Each structure stands twice: as structure tokens, then as C-alpha cells.
Protein backbone atom coordinates (compact mmCIF):
# COMPACT_ATOMS: atom_id res chain seq x y z
CA MET A 1 -44.27 -11.93 58.98
CA ALA A 2 -45.02 -12.39 55.29
CA HIS A 3 -43.40 -15.13 53.26
CA LEU A 4 -40.73 -13.77 50.88
CA ARG A 5 -40.90 -15.22 47.37
CA TRP A 6 -37.25 -15.48 46.53
CA ASN A 7 -37.42 -18.02 43.77
CA PHE A 8 -34.37 -17.36 41.62
CA SER A 9 -34.64 -20.54 39.61
CA ARG A 10 -37.12 -19.09 37.11
CA LEU A 11 -35.87 -16.67 34.47
CA SER A 12 -37.89 -13.54 33.90
CA TRP A 13 -38.94 -12.27 30.48
CA TRP A 14 -35.91 -9.96 30.09
CA ALA A 15 -33.21 -12.46 31.07
CA LYS A 16 -32.85 -14.18 27.69
CA PRO A 17 -32.49 -10.99 25.58
CA SER A 18 -30.11 -9.44 28.10
CA LEU A 19 -28.05 -12.64 28.17
CA PHE A 20 -27.81 -12.47 24.37
CA VAL A 21 -26.69 -8.83 24.55
CA CYS A 22 -24.08 -9.72 27.18
CA VAL A 23 -22.70 -12.53 25.03
CA ILE A 24 -22.45 -10.20 22.03
CA ALA A 25 -20.76 -7.55 24.21
CA VAL A 26 -18.21 -10.06 25.50
CA MET A 27 -17.50 -11.23 21.96
CA GLY A 28 -17.02 -7.59 20.90
CA CYS A 29 -14.61 -6.97 23.76
CA LEU A 30 -12.60 -10.07 22.89
CA HIS A 31 -12.48 -8.97 19.26
CA ALA A 32 -11.34 -5.49 20.32
CA LEU A 33 -8.51 -7.06 22.34
CA TRP A 34 -7.51 -9.48 19.57
CA TRP A 35 -7.71 -7.06 16.61
CA PRO A 36 -4.79 -4.72 17.51
CA ASN A 37 -2.59 -7.76 18.12
CA ASP A 38 -3.46 -9.09 14.66
CA LEU A 39 -2.76 -5.68 13.09
CA LEU A 40 0.60 -5.48 14.83
CA GLN A 41 1.52 -8.93 13.54
CA GLN A 42 0.56 -7.92 9.99
CA ARG A 43 2.61 -4.74 10.37
CA GLU A 44 5.64 -6.71 11.52
CA ILE A 45 5.33 -9.01 8.49
CA LEU A 46 5.12 -6.03 6.10
CA VAL A 47 8.08 -4.28 7.73
CA LYS A 48 10.13 -7.47 7.52
CA GLN A 49 9.26 -7.86 3.82
CA ALA A 50 10.15 -4.23 3.13
CA ARG A 51 13.51 -4.59 4.88
CA GLN A 52 14.28 -7.76 2.93
CA THR A 53 13.33 -6.08 -0.35
CA TYR A 54 15.45 -3.05 0.49
CA ALA A 55 18.39 -5.29 1.38
CA VAL A 56 18.08 -7.14 -1.94
CA MET A 57 17.78 -3.89 -3.89
CA GLY A 58 20.72 -2.41 -2.02
CA ASN A 59 22.94 -5.11 -3.47
CA GLN A 60 21.79 -4.44 -7.03
CA GLU A 61 22.83 -1.59 -9.28
CA ARG A 62 20.81 1.55 -9.00
CA ARG A 63 18.97 2.41 -12.18
CA VAL A 64 19.30 5.89 -13.53
CA PHE A 65 16.19 7.03 -15.33
CA ALA A 66 16.62 9.30 -18.30
CA SER A 67 14.75 12.54 -18.45
CA PRO A 68 11.69 12.64 -20.72
CA SER A 69 12.27 13.49 -24.32
CA PRO A 70 11.64 17.06 -25.54
CA ALA A 71 8.75 15.78 -27.66
CA LEU A 72 6.93 14.67 -24.51
CA ASP A 73 7.60 18.02 -22.87
CA GLN A 74 5.90 19.69 -25.83
CA VAL A 75 2.88 17.36 -25.54
CA PHE A 76 2.54 18.02 -21.80
CA ARG A 77 2.85 21.78 -22.35
CA GLU A 78 -0.01 21.64 -24.89
CA MET A 79 -2.15 19.56 -22.53
CA ARG A 80 -1.98 22.14 -19.74
CA PHE A 81 -5.16 24.13 -19.50
CA PRO A 82 -4.97 27.88 -18.78
CA TRP A 83 -6.81 27.76 -15.46
CA ASP A 84 -5.74 31.27 -14.51
CA ASP A 85 -7.54 32.71 -17.55
CA VAL A 86 -10.66 30.61 -16.94
CA LEU A 87 -10.88 31.45 -13.23
CA ALA A 88 -10.13 35.13 -13.77
CA GLY A 89 -13.30 35.42 -15.87
CA CYS A 90 -15.54 34.33 -12.96
């Protein structure tokens, strides 16, 4: 019977690069697990801030904005470009 050479103590040429790839993959998986948790925490903070702001604004008077003056309406009417006429000529 032939002698089996089962010497597992020596690393082969592909072991180091594959170990590096495995470490990067594990780090990517951990990041993928951690990232949604971080996003949910940021969302909770933003929602809390929005609710606090809304509560503060709810206690204040509501501002009523005046409609734009007729002079501005005239300016905006003059700024409008006749797109129907331009596109009809195509």
C-alpha cells in the first residue's frame, strides 16, 4: 500500500488569495447586516424631528400667504413661451 501524503500544515498557492477574498466577503456581509439597522435608526431620528417640528408649528399661528400681485401675473404671462405654436411647425 502506498503512503498517503496528507500534510495539511502547508498552505498551497491559492490559500492566501482565497482567504483574503473570504475575509472581504465576511466584511461585506457584516456591512449588509449593519447598514439597514443604521438606516432605520436615521429614519427614526428624522421622523422624531419632524413630529417635534410639527408639534411646535401646530401651537403657532398659521400664516396666510397673500396671492401674487397682478403685476407679477403679467410678468409671468409674458414669460410663457408659445410651445404649441413652435411644436406645431415641426
